[in-house]
Amino acid sequence: MASRRSRSLAQALQKRRSVTTSRPSPQVFAETYRRVAESGASGIVSLHLSAELSGTHDAAVLAAREAPVPVRVVDTGMVAMALGFCALAAAETAEAGGTMDEAVTAAEKRADGTSAYFYVDTLDYLRRGGRIGAAQALLGSALAVKPLLQLEDGRIELLEKVRTASKAIARLEELTAERAGNAEVDIAVHHLAAPDRAAALADRLRERVPGLADLHVSEVGAVIGAHTGPGLLGAVVSPR
């Protein structure tokens, strides 16, 4: 289902149709927290994508105030599988008998060590969504460069400008391998309407990263894709 939505999104963007996103309402979170409490949970750790990029965290905070059980709402500062690795760390801690505080700490520790890099064909989609400054986007277009981005303090920042797509993707691979080093790491490769690019990058990283534990390859969801555009290629490195 998510993949079909992503393909539909990519087609809409390629045809330059207007695409917008909106946060879930506090009522959606309130209902979710209620159902979880009714299923027997004595507390909830609610992990969310960066509050710098979305109002989702704020909606969850509002709902948590009226929840029937304690709720810890956490701004991970992450997106996509960078957030996913935080959620896995919290879940593993909880399954091992950890407290809510310990689960939150595990998620925050994972977030602190995680890096995310992105290649996009154009900065125009990020500019339209207000996720990157107009000056940066216009500079990239004027110089006909291919941008490399990183997630920094919960924001999407321009990291490097490279002359061609092939050189930019090679640099993305280099950055990912350098960040991984020899440590035991999990890696995620993301894309939007670029499965061949993603598969090729994943294959190269398998060969280059000696401490690779798990490698996930997936198409991003509609929320991320709407702001990055078709051709996105991303890599998340998360030390264990």
Foldseek 3Di string as FASTA:
>chain_A
DQLVQLQVLQVCVVVVHDDDDAADALVVLLVVLQVVVVVPDQEEEAEDAAVLQHCNLVSNVVSQVPHPHHYHRDHLLHDDCLQVVLQVQLVVCVVVPHDNVVSNVSSNVQSVLKKKKKWFQAQVLLCVSVQDPPVVRVVCVVLCWTFMWIRDSSGIGTDDTHNDPVVVLVVQLVVQLVSLDQAQKEKEKEFRQCVVSRVVSQVVNVVRHNNYDYYHYYYDGPVVCSRRHHPMIMMMITGD
